[in-house]
Amino acid sequence: MVILELYNLKKDIGEKNNLINQYPTIVNRLLEKMIAFRQKIKKKARPAVE
């Protein structure tokens, strides 16, 4: 399970106010970028050594 969080660190350095519900478009865009990045590095990953 992935817990998503989005904070405005200029205004909320203590990360007290999760903005995920207020900015779903930004959250979805960042999530898509994260998924694409993970797929990219997975393709380039070396096989595990046993």
N, C-alpha and C. Protein backbone atom coordinates (compact mmCIF):
# COMPACT_ATOMS: atom_id res chain seq x y z
N MET A 1 0.84 -1.18 0.00
CA MET A 1 0.00 0.00 0.00
C MET A 1 0.89 1.25 0.00
N VAL A 2 0.56 2.17 -0.85
CA VAL A 2 1.31 3.41 -0.96
C VAL A 2 0.49 4.54 -0.33
N ILE A 3 1.11 5.27 0.56
CA ILE A 3 0.46 6.42 1.17
C ILE A 3 1.04 7.66 0.50
N LEU A 4 0.18 8.43 -0.15
CA LEU A 4 0.63 9.61 -0.86
C LEU A 4 0.45 10.85 0.02
N GLU A 5 1.43 11.73 -0.05
CA GLU A 5 1.39 12.97 0.71
C GLU A 5 1.89 14.10 -0.17
N LEU A 6 1.34 15.28 0.03
CA LEU A 6 1.76 16.47 -0.71
C LEU A 6 1.74 17.64 0.26
N TYR A 7 2.88 18.31 0.39
CA TYR A 7 3.00 19.43 1.32
C TYR A 7 3.57 20.65 0.62
N ASN A 8 3.21 21.83 1.10
CA ASN A 8 3.83 23.08 0.67
C ASN A 8 4.90 23.39 1.71
N LEU A 9 6.13 23.05 1.40
CA LEU A 9 7.20 23.16 2.38
C LEU A 9 7.60 24.61 2.68
N LYS A 10 7.24 25.54 1.81
CA LYS A 10 7.50 26.95 2.11
C LYS A 10 6.59 27.44 3.24
N LYS A 11 5.36 26.92 3.27
CA LYS A 11 4.38 27.36 4.27
C LYS A 11 4.20 26.37 5.41
N ASP A 12 4.62 25.13 5.20
CA ASP A 12 4.35 24.06 6.17
C ASP A 12 5.58 23.18 6.33
N ILE A 13 6.64 23.74 6.89
CA ILE A 13 7.91 23.01 7.01
C ILE A 13 7.77 21.77 7.90
N GLY A 14 6.80 21.79 8.80
CA GLY A 14 6.59 20.65 9.70
C GLY A 14 5.73 19.54 9.09
N GLU A 15 5.31 19.73 7.85
CA GLU A 15 4.48 18.74 7.14
C GLU A 15 3.26 18.32 7.95
N LYS A 16 2.50 19.31 8.39
CA LYS A 16 1.29 19.06 9.19
C LYS A 16 0.02 19.03 8.34
N ASN A 17 0.03 19.73 7.18
CA ASN A 17 -1.17 19.88 6.37
C ASN A 17 -0.99 19.17 5.03
N ASN A 18 -1.49 17.94 4.92
CA ASN A 18 -1.40 17.17 3.68
C ASN A 18 -2.39 17.75 2.67
N LEU A 19 -1.89 18.19 1.53
CA LEU A 19 -2.70 18.86 0.52
C LEU A 19 -3.20 17.92 -0.58
N ILE A 20 -3.08 16.63 -0.37
CA ILE A 20 -3.40 15.65 -1.42
C ILE A 20 -4.84 15.79 -1.94
N ASN A 21 -5.79 16.07 -1.08
CA ASN A 21 -7.19 16.17 -1.52
C ASN A 21 -7.49 17.51 -2.18
N GLN A 22 -6.68 18.51 -1.91
CA GLN A 22 -6.91 19.84 -2.49
C GLN A 22 -6.33 19.96 -3.90
N TYR A 23 -5.35 19.14 -4.23
CA TYR A 23 -4.67 19.25 -5.51
C TYR A 23 -4.55 17.89 -6.21
N PRO A 24 -5.68 17.27 -6.54
CA PRO A 24 -5.62 15.93 -7.15
C PRO A 24 -4.92 15.91 -8.52
N THR A 25 -4.99 17.00 -9.27
CA THR A 25 -4.33 17.04 -10.57
C THR A 25 -2.82 16.98 -10.41
N ILE A 26 -2.29 17.74 -9.46
CA ILE A 26 -0.85 17.72 -9.20
C ILE A 26 -0.43 16.35 -8.69
N VAL A 27 -1.21 15.78 -7.79
CA VAL A 27 -0.89 14.46 -7.24
C VAL A 27 -0.86 13.41 -8.35
N ASN A 28 -1.84 13.42 -9.22
CA ASN A 28 -1.88 12.44 -10.32
C ASN A 28 -0.70 12.62 -11.26
N ARG A 29 -0.35 13.86 -11.56
CA ARG A 29 0.79 14.12 -12.45
C ARG A 29 2.09 13.61 -11.82
N LEU A 30 2.28 13.88 -10.53
CA LEU A 30 3.50 13.42 -9.86
C LEU A 30 3.52 11.89 -9.74
N LEU A 31 2.37 11.29 -9.50
CA LEU A 31 2.28 9.83 -9.40
C LEU A 31 2.63 9.18 -10.74
N GLU A 32 2.15 9.74 -11.83
CA GLU A 32 2.49 9.21 -13.15
C GLU A 32 3.99 9.31 -13.41
N LYS A 33 4.60 10.43 -13.02
CA LYS A 33 6.04 10.60 -13.19
C LYS A 33 6.81 9.59 -12.34
N MET A 34 6.34 9.35 -11.12
CA MET A 34 7.00 8.40 -10.23
C MET A 34 6.93 6.98 -10.81
N ILE A 35 5.78 6.60 -11.32
CA ILE A 35 5.61 5.27 -11.90
C ILE A 35 6.52 5.11 -13.12
N ALA A 36 6.56 6.12 -13.97
CA ALA A 36 7.41 6.06 -15.16
C ALA A 36 8.88 5.95 -14.76
N PHE A 37 9.29 6.70 -13.76
CA PHE A 37 10.67 6.65 -13.29
C PHE A 37 11.02 5.27 -12.75
N ARG A 38 10.13 4.70 -11.95
CA ARG A 38 10.39 3.36 -11.40
C ARG A 38 10.48 2.31 -12.49
N GLN A 39 9.65 2.42 -13.52
CA GLN A 39 9.71 1.48 -14.64
C GLN A 39 11.03 1.64 -15.39
N LYS A 40 11.48 2.87 -15.55
CA LYS A 40 12.72 3.14 -16.26
C LYS A 40 13.92 2.55 -15.51
N ILE A 41 13.98 2.77 -14.20
CA ILE A 41 15.14 2.26 -13.47
C ILE A 41 15.06 0.75 -13.30
N LYS A 42 13.86 0.20 -13.29
CA LYS A 42 13.72 -1.25 -13.19
C LYS A 42 14.29 -1.94 -14.43
N LYS A 43 14.10 -1.32 -15.59
CA LYS A 43 14.63 -1.87 -16.84
C LYS A 43 16.15 -1.85 -16.85
N LYS A 44 16.74 -0.86 -16.19
CA LYS A 44 18.20 -0.72 -16.19
C LYS A 44 18.86 -1.39 -14.99
N ALA A 45 18.08 -1.94 -14.10
CA ALA A 45 18.63 -2.53 -12.88
C ALA A 45 19.44 -3.80 -13.20
N ARG A 46 20.47 -3.96 -12.44
CA ARG A 46 21.27 -5.18 -12.57
C ARG A 46 20.54 -6.32 -11.89
N PRO A 47 20.75 -7.56 -12.37
CA PRO A 47 20.12 -8.69 -11.70
C PRO A 47 20.68 -8.85 -10.29
N ALA A 48 19.85 -9.32 -9.40
CA ALA A 48 20.29 -9.54 -8.03
C ALA A 48 21.32 -10.65 -7.96
N VAL A 49 22.29 -10.47 -7.10
CA VAL A 49 23.34 -11.48 -6.92
C VAL A 49 22.93 -12.36 -5.75
N GLU A 50 22.97 -13.64 -5.97
CA GLU A 50 22.58 -14.58 -4.91
C GLU A 50 23.79 -15.13 -4.22
